[in-house]
């Protein structure tokens, strides 16, 4: 569901190292989503606000991931189901979902390696 924050089982750098914000399904084995990082060292990374994150799930349990000096990498990244299973570790608020839709909604899907190359130009 759009806005869920997921942790991959495969946490290698070329896979699901960063937390992923689920955006949309591409096909059975791929989906789209930006990632969350705590690195503000890259000027293209966009700071996120406390208001973008839901603190508790529907049962009142605290989510593992809330805003902690979080930045969104502004890329509509292609993610593979083979990096899972995925665990839901957080969720965005409606404001947070609108935030990512506004930033990545019109972007073309890209693989992580190409996003890194683009950012280093």
C-alpha atoms as a PDB file:
ATOM      1  CA  UNK A   1       0.000   0.000   0.000  1.00  0.00           C
ATOM      2  CA  UNK A   2       1.346   3.428  -0.943  1.00  0.00           C
ATOM      3  CA  UNK A   3       3.216   5.071   1.928  1.00  0.00           C
ATOM      4  CA  UNK A   4       4.241   1.908   3.785  1.00  0.00           C
ATOM      5  CA  UNK A   5       7.877   1.955   4.889  1.00  0.00           C
ATOM      6  CA  UNK A   6       9.513  -1.392   4.211  1.00  0.00           C
ATOM      7  CA  UNK A   7      12.728  -3.128   5.244  1.00  0.00           C
ATOM      8  CA  UNK A   8      14.129  -5.700   2.831  1.00  0.00           C
ATOM      9  CA  UNK A   9      15.555  -9.004   3.968  1.00  0.00           C
ATOM     10  CA  UNK A  10      18.441  -8.518   1.501  1.00  0.00           C
ATOM     11  CA  UNK A  11      20.170  -5.454   2.992  1.00  0.00           C
ATOM     12  CA  UNK A  12      23.137  -5.328   0.587  1.00  0.00           C
ATOM     13  CA  UNK A  13      23.972  -1.912  -0.887  1.00  0.00           C
ATOM     14  CA  UNK A  14      22.844  -3.100  -4.345  1.00  0.00           C
ATOM     15  CA  UNK A  15      19.556  -4.343  -2.931  1.00  0.00           C
ATOM     16  CA  UNK A  16      17.483  -3.117   0.012  1.00  0.00           C
ATOM     17  CA  UNK A  17      20.059  -1.423   2.248  1.00  0.00           C
ATOM     18  CA  UNK A  18      17.883   1.649   2.835  1.00  0.00           C
ATOM     19  CA  UNK A  19      14.289   1.701   4.004  1.00  0.00           C
ATOM     20  CA  UNK A  20      11.894   1.834   1.064  1.00  0.00           C
ATOM     21  CA  UNK A  21       8.678   3.810   0.806  1.00  0.00           C
ATOM     22  CA  UNK A  22       6.254   1.704  -1.213  1.00  0.00           C
ATOM     23  CA  UNK A  23       4.879   3.759  -4.097  1.00  0.00           C
ATOM     24  CA  UNK A  24       3.380   1.507  -6.776  1.00  0.00           C
ATOM     25  CA  UNK A  25       3.481  -1.982  -8.324  1.00  0.00           C
ATOM     26  CA  UNK A  26       5.216  -2.408 -11.692  1.00  0.00           C
ATOM     27  CA  UNK A  27       4.640  -6.133 -12.160  1.00  0.00           C
ATOM     28  CA  UNK A  28       4.558  -9.255 -10.009  1.00  0.00           C
ATOM     29  CA  UNK A  29       8.258  -9.152  -9.134  1.00  0.00           C
ATOM     30  CA  UNK A  30       8.939  -5.384  -9.139  1.00  0.00           C
ATOM     31  CA  UNK A  31       7.597  -2.292  -7.424  1.00  0.00           C
ATOM     32  CA  UNK A  32       8.505   1.379  -7.229  1.00  0.00           C
ATOM     33  CA  UNK A  33       9.508   3.522  -4.322  1.00  0.00           C
ATOM     34  CA  UNK A  34      11.907   6.141  -3.062  1.00  0.00           C
ATOM     35  CA  UNK A  35      14.282   5.373  -0.229  1.00  0.00           C
ATOM     36  CA  UNK A  36      14.853   7.036   3.118  1.00  0.00           C
ATOM     37  CA  UNK A  37      18.367   7.911   4.238  1.00  0.00           C
ATOM     38  CA  UNK A  38      19.876   9.894   7.086  1.00  0.00           C
ATOM     39  CA  UNK A  39      22.497  11.374   4.770  1.00  0.00           C
ATOM     40  CA  UNK A  40      22.079  15.070   4.211  1.00  0.00           C
ATOM     41  CA  UNK A  41      25.445  15.135   2.444  1.00  0.00           C
ATOM     42  CA  UNK A  42      23.798  15.085  -0.960  1.00  0.00           C
ATOM     43  CA  UNK A  43      22.041  18.329  -1.877  1.00  0.00           C
ATOM     44  CA  UNK A  44      19.347  16.532  -3.886  1.00  0.00           C
ATOM     45  CA  UNK A  45      18.150  14.580  -0.819  1.00  0.00           C
ATOM     46  CA  UNK A  46      15.034  16.220   0.577  1.00  0.00           C
ATOM     47  CA  UNK A  47      14.516  16.587   4.341  1.00  0.00           C
ATOM     48  CA  UNK A  48      11.428  14.909   5.725  1.00  0.00           C
ATOM     49  CA  UNK A  49       9.331  16.236   8.585  1.00  0.00           C
ATOM     50  CA  UNK A  50       7.849  14.597  11.680  1.00  0.00           C
ATOM     51  CA  UNK A  51       4.440  15.258  10.104  1.00  0.00           C
ATOM     52  CA  UNK A  52       5.326  12.907   7.234  1.00  0.00           C
ATOM     53  CA  UNK A  53       5.527   9.865   9.525  1.00  0.00           C
ATOM     54  CA  UNK A  54       2.895   7.899  11.419  1.00  0.00           C
ATOM     55  CA  UNK A  55       4.167   7.031  14.903  1.00  0.00           C
ATOM     56  CA  UNK A  56       1.825   4.137  15.733  1.00  0.00           C
ATOM     57  CA  UNK A  57       0.067   1.372  13.844  1.00  0.00           C
ATOM     58  CA  UNK A  58      -3.690   0.745  14.067  1.00  0.00           C
ATOM     59  CA  UNK A  59      -3.193  -1.357  17.232  1.00  0.00           C
ATOM     60  CA  UNK A  60      -1.268   1.413  19.015  1.00  0.00           C
ATOM     61  CA  UNK A  61       2.153  -0.207  18.612  1.00  0.00           C
ATOM     62  CA  UNK A  62       5.037   2.158  17.916  1.00  0.00           C
ATOM     63  CA  UNK A  63       6.526   1.882  14.445  1.00  0.00           C
ATOM     64  CA  UNK A  64      10.232   1.133  14.222  1.00  0.00           C
ATOM     65  CA  UNK A  65      10.810   3.943  11.714  1.00  0.00           C
ATOM     66  CA  UNK A  66       9.715   7.510  12.302  1.00  0.00           C
ATOM     67  CA  UNK A  67      11.506  10.730  11.457  1.00  0.00           C
ATOM     68  CA  UNK A  68      15.089  10.596  12.653  1.00  0.00           C
ATOM     69  CA  UNK A  69      16.961  13.180  10.607  1.00  0.00           C
ATOM     70  CA  UNK A  70      15.364  11.513   7.576  1.00  0.00           C
ATOM     71  CA  UNK A  71      15.810  12.465   3.945  1.00  0.00           C
ATOM     72  CA  UNK A  72      14.053  11.145   0.894  1.00  0.00           C
ATOM     73  CA  UNK A  73      16.158  10.376  -2.156  1.00  0.00           C
ATOM     74  CA  UNK A  74      14.114  11.957  -4.969  1.00  0.00           C
ATOM     75  CA  UNK A  75      14.017   8.997  -7.352  1.00  0.00           C
ATOM     76  CA  UNK A  76      11.309   6.562  -8.384  1.00  0.00           C
ATOM     77  CA  UNK A  77      13.433   3.478  -7.807  1.00  0.00           C
ATOM     78  CA  UNK A  78      12.730   0.004  -9.145  1.00  0.00           C
ATOM     79  CA  UNK A  79      12.704  -2.526  -6.298  1.00  0.00           C
ATOM     80  CA  UNK A  80      12.694  -6.296  -6.654  1.00  0.00           C
ATOM     81  CA  UNK A  81      10.451  -8.681  -4.741  1.00  0.00           C
ATOM     82  CA  UNK A  82      13.441 -11.070  -4.554  1.00  0.00           C
ATOM     83  CA  UNK A  83      15.016  -8.720  -1.961  1.00  0.00           C
ATOM     84  CA  UNK A  84      12.249  -9.753   0.425  1.00  0.00           C
ATOM     85  CA  UNK A  85      10.311 -10.807   2.139  1.00  0.00           C
ATOM     86  CA  UNK A  86       9.736  -7.237   3.216  1.00  0.00           C
ATOM     87  CA  UNK A  87       8.754  -6.157   6.694  1.00  0.00           C
ATOM     88  CA  UNK A  88       6.551  -3.139   7.287  1.00  0.00           C
ATOM     89  CA  UNK A  89       8.511  -0.966   9.741  1.00  0.00           C
ATOM     90  CA  UNK A  90       6.638   2.313   9.381  1.00  0.00           C
ATOM     91  CA  UNK A  91       4.093   4.306   7.469  1.00  0.00           C
ATOM     92  CA  UNK A  92       3.676   7.783   6.085  1.00  0.00           C
ATOM     93  CA  UNK A  93       0.808  10.062   6.974  1.00  0.00           C
ATOM     94  CA  UNK A  94      -1.470  11.399   4.242  1.00  0.00           C
ATOM     95  CA  UNK A  95       0.728  14.518   4.235  1.00  0.00           C
ATOM     96  CA  UNK A  96       3.793  12.300   3.787  1.00  0.00           C
ATOM     97  CA  UNK A  97       2.175  10.425   0.905  1.00  0.00           C
ATOM     98  CA  UNK A  98       1.288  13.698  -0.833  1.00  0.00           C
ATOM     99  CA  UNK A  99       4.909  14.819  -0.240  1.00  0.00           C
ATOM    100  CA  UNK A 100       6.360  11.825  -2.107  1.00  0.00           C
ATOM    101  CA  UNK A 101       3.706  11.978  -4.827  1.00  0.00           C
ATOM    102  CA  UNK A 102       4.560  15.621  -5.480  1.00  0.00           C
ATOM    103  CA  UNK A 103       8.290  14.919  -5.716  1.00  0.00           C
ATOM    104  CA  UNK A 104       8.502  11.604  -7.571  1.00  0.00           C
ATOM    105  CA  UNK A 105       5.084  11.375  -9.244  1.00  0.00           C
ATOM    106  CA  UNK A 106       6.271  12.533 -12.669  1.00  0.00           C
ATOM    107  CA  UNK A 107       9.721  10.929 -12.554  1.00  0.00           C
ATOM    108  CA  UNK A 108      10.657   7.985 -14.751  1.00  0.00           C
ATOM    109  CA  UNK A 109      11.470   4.726 -12.944  1.00  0.00           C
ATOM    110  CA  UNK A 110      15.192   4.138 -12.519  1.00  0.00           C
ATOM    111  CA  UNK A 111      17.466   1.496 -11.026  1.00  0.00           C
ATOM    112  CA  UNK A 112      19.596   2.477  -8.012  1.00  0.00           C
ATOM    113  CA  UNK A 113      22.945   2.322  -9.837  1.00  0.00           C
ATOM    114  CA  UNK A 114      21.704   4.808 -12.442  1.00  0.00           C
ATOM    115  CA  UNK A 115      20.339   7.096  -9.725  1.00  0.00           C
ATOM    116  CA  UNK A 116      23.781   7.130  -8.071  1.00  0.00           C
ATOM    117  CA  UNK A 117      25.461   7.994 -11.380  1.00  0.00           C
ATOM    118  CA  UNK A 118      22.938  10.766 -12.027  1.00  0.00           C
ATOM    119  CA  UNK A 119      23.447  12.243  -8.533  1.00  0.00           C
ATOM    120  CA  UNK A 120      27.229  12.329  -8.864  1.00  0.00           C
ATOM    121  CA  UNK A 121      27.195  14.462 -12.011  1.00  0.00           C
END
